[in-house]
Amino acid sequence: MLWLRTPEAKAELNIPPEVTPASALCIGYSAHIPDAPARGTPAIIWSD
């Protein structure tokens, strides 16, 4: 996450310049839950 260490990103997120972020966490809920994709019937292979 090198972009998080740029001065522009730090300024936008109110991160002090002397702090080096190590990771980002996304917390919250999405506004819309997408529909699940259709699943096909799995192939069944019988072995003797």
N, C-alpha and C. Protein backbone atom coordinates (compact mmCIF):
# COMPACT_ATOMS: atom_id res chain seq x y z
N MET A 1 0.83 -1.18 0.00
CA MET A 1 0.00 0.00 0.00
C MET A 1 0.88 1.25 0.00
N LEU A 2 1.70 1.34 -1.00
CA LEU A 2 2.61 2.47 -1.06
C LEU A 2 1.88 3.80 -1.24
N TRP A 3 0.71 3.78 -1.89
CA TRP A 3 -0.04 5.03 -2.09
C TRP A 3 -0.44 5.66 -0.76
N LEU A 4 -0.61 4.86 0.28
CA LEU A 4 -1.02 5.36 1.58
C LEU A 4 0.10 6.15 2.25
N ARG A 5 1.32 5.96 1.79
CA ARG A 5 2.47 6.65 2.36
C ARG A 5 2.79 7.97 1.66
N THR A 6 2.07 8.29 0.60
CA THR A 6 2.34 9.54 -0.12
C THR A 6 1.84 10.74 0.69
N PRO A 7 2.50 11.89 0.55
CA PRO A 7 2.07 13.08 1.28
C PRO A 7 0.63 13.49 0.95
N GLU A 8 0.21 13.27 -0.30
CA GLU A 8 -1.15 13.64 -0.70
C GLU A 8 -2.20 12.79 0.02
N ALA A 9 -1.95 11.47 0.09
CA ALA A 9 -2.89 10.57 0.77
C ALA A 9 -2.92 10.86 2.26
N LYS A 10 -1.75 11.09 2.84
CA LYS A 10 -1.69 11.40 4.27
C LYS A 10 -2.47 12.67 4.59
N ALA A 11 -2.33 13.69 3.74
CA ALA A 11 -3.04 14.95 3.96
C ALA A 11 -4.54 14.74 3.85
N GLU A 12 -4.98 13.98 2.86
CA GLU A 12 -6.42 13.75 2.66
C GLU A 12 -7.04 12.97 3.81
N LEU A 13 -6.26 12.05 4.41
CA LEU A 13 -6.77 11.20 5.49
C LEU A 13 -6.41 11.72 6.87
N ASN A 14 -5.82 12.91 6.92
CA ASN A 14 -5.42 13.54 8.19
C ASN A 14 -4.44 12.67 8.99
N ILE A 15 -3.49 12.06 8.28
CA ILE A 15 -2.45 11.27 8.92
C ILE A 15 -1.23 12.19 9.09
N PRO A 16 -0.67 12.29 10.29
CA PRO A 16 0.49 13.15 10.50
C PRO A 16 1.66 12.75 9.59
N PRO A 17 2.42 13.72 9.10
CA PRO A 17 3.54 13.41 8.18
C PRO A 17 4.59 12.48 8.77
N GLU A 18 4.80 12.51 10.08
CA GLU A 18 5.85 11.69 10.69
C GLU A 18 5.42 10.24 10.91
N VAL A 19 4.16 9.92 10.66
CA VAL A 19 3.64 8.56 10.84
C VAL A 19 3.72 7.81 9.52
N THR A 20 4.13 6.53 9.58
CA THR A 20 4.19 5.69 8.39
C THR A 20 3.10 4.62 8.49
N PRO A 21 2.04 4.73 7.70
CA PRO A 21 0.97 3.72 7.74
C PRO A 21 1.49 2.36 7.25
N ALA A 22 1.00 1.30 7.88
CA ALA A 22 1.40 -0.05 7.50
C ALA A 22 0.30 -0.80 6.75
N SER A 23 -0.96 -0.46 7.01
CA SER A 23 -2.06 -1.13 6.33
C SER A 23 -3.31 -0.26 6.39
N ALA A 24 -4.30 -0.65 5.63
CA ALA A 24 -5.58 0.06 5.61
C ALA A 24 -6.69 -0.93 5.94
N LEU A 25 -7.67 -0.49 6.69
CA LEU A 25 -8.83 -1.32 7.03
C LEU A 25 -10.08 -0.65 6.49
N CYS A 26 -10.91 -1.41 5.84
CA CYS A 26 -12.19 -0.90 5.35
C CYS A 26 -13.26 -1.37 6.32
N ILE A 27 -13.93 -0.42 6.94
CA ILE A 27 -14.94 -0.75 7.94
C ILE A 27 -16.26 -0.13 7.49
N GLY A 28 -17.31 -0.91 7.53
CA GLY A 28 -18.62 -0.39 7.17
C GLY A 28 -19.42 -1.40 6.38
N TYR A 29 -20.50 -0.94 5.82
CA TYR A 29 -21.39 -1.78 5.04
C TYR A 29 -21.57 -1.16 3.67
N SER A 30 -21.69 -2.00 2.67
CA SER A 30 -21.93 -1.49 1.32
C SER A 30 -23.37 -1.02 1.20
N ALA A 31 -23.59 -0.10 0.30
CA ALA A 31 -24.94 0.44 0.09
C ALA A 31 -25.84 -0.58 -0.62
N HIS A 32 -25.23 -1.50 -1.35
CA HIS A 32 -26.00 -2.49 -2.10
C HIS A 32 -25.25 -3.81 -2.07
N ILE A 33 -25.96 -4.88 -1.83
CA ILE A 33 -25.35 -6.21 -1.87
C ILE A 33 -25.64 -6.80 -3.25
N PRO A 34 -24.59 -7.08 -4.03
CA PRO A 34 -24.83 -7.60 -5.38
C PRO A 34 -25.42 -9.00 -5.35
N ASP A 35 -26.16 -9.34 -6.40
CA ASP A 35 -26.73 -10.67 -6.53
C ASP A 35 -25.60 -11.68 -6.74
N ALA A 36 -25.78 -12.86 -6.21
CA ALA A 36 -24.79 -13.92 -6.39
C ALA A 36 -24.84 -14.41 -7.83
N PRO A 37 -23.70 -14.76 -8.40
CA PRO A 37 -23.71 -15.26 -9.78
C PRO A 37 -24.38 -16.63 -9.84
N ALA A 38 -24.98 -16.92 -10.98
CA ALA A 38 -25.63 -18.22 -11.16
C ALA A 38 -24.57 -19.31 -11.17
N ARG A 39 -24.88 -20.40 -10.51
CA ARG A 39 -23.94 -21.52 -10.46
C ARG A 39 -24.45 -22.65 -11.32
N GLY A 40 -23.55 -23.21 -12.10
CA GLY A 40 -23.91 -24.36 -12.93
C GLY A 40 -23.90 -25.64 -12.12
N THR A 41 -24.46 -26.69 -12.69
CA THR A 41 -24.46 -27.99 -12.03
C THR A 41 -23.04 -28.55 -12.10
N PRO A 42 -22.48 -28.99 -10.98
CA PRO A 42 -21.13 -29.51 -11.02
C PRO A 42 -21.06 -30.83 -11.76
N ALA A 43 -19.92 -31.06 -12.41
CA ALA A 43 -19.72 -32.34 -13.11
C ALA A 43 -19.36 -33.40 -12.07
N ILE A 44 -20.03 -34.54 -12.15
CA ILE A 44 -19.75 -35.64 -11.24
C ILE A 44 -19.04 -36.73 -12.03
N ILE A 45 -17.87 -37.08 -11.57
CA ILE A 45 -17.08 -38.11 -12.24
C ILE A 45 -16.99 -39.31 -11.30
N TRP A 46 -17.50 -40.44 -11.77
CA TRP A 46 -17.47 -41.66 -10.95
C TRP A 46 -16.22 -42.46 -11.31
N SER A 47 -15.60 -42.99 -10.30
CA SER A 47 -14.39 -43.77 -10.52
C SER A 47 -14.59 -45.15 -9.90
N ASP A 48 -14.18 -46.18 -10.59
CA ASP A 48 -14.30 -47.55 -10.07
C ASP A 48 -13.05 -48.01 -9.42
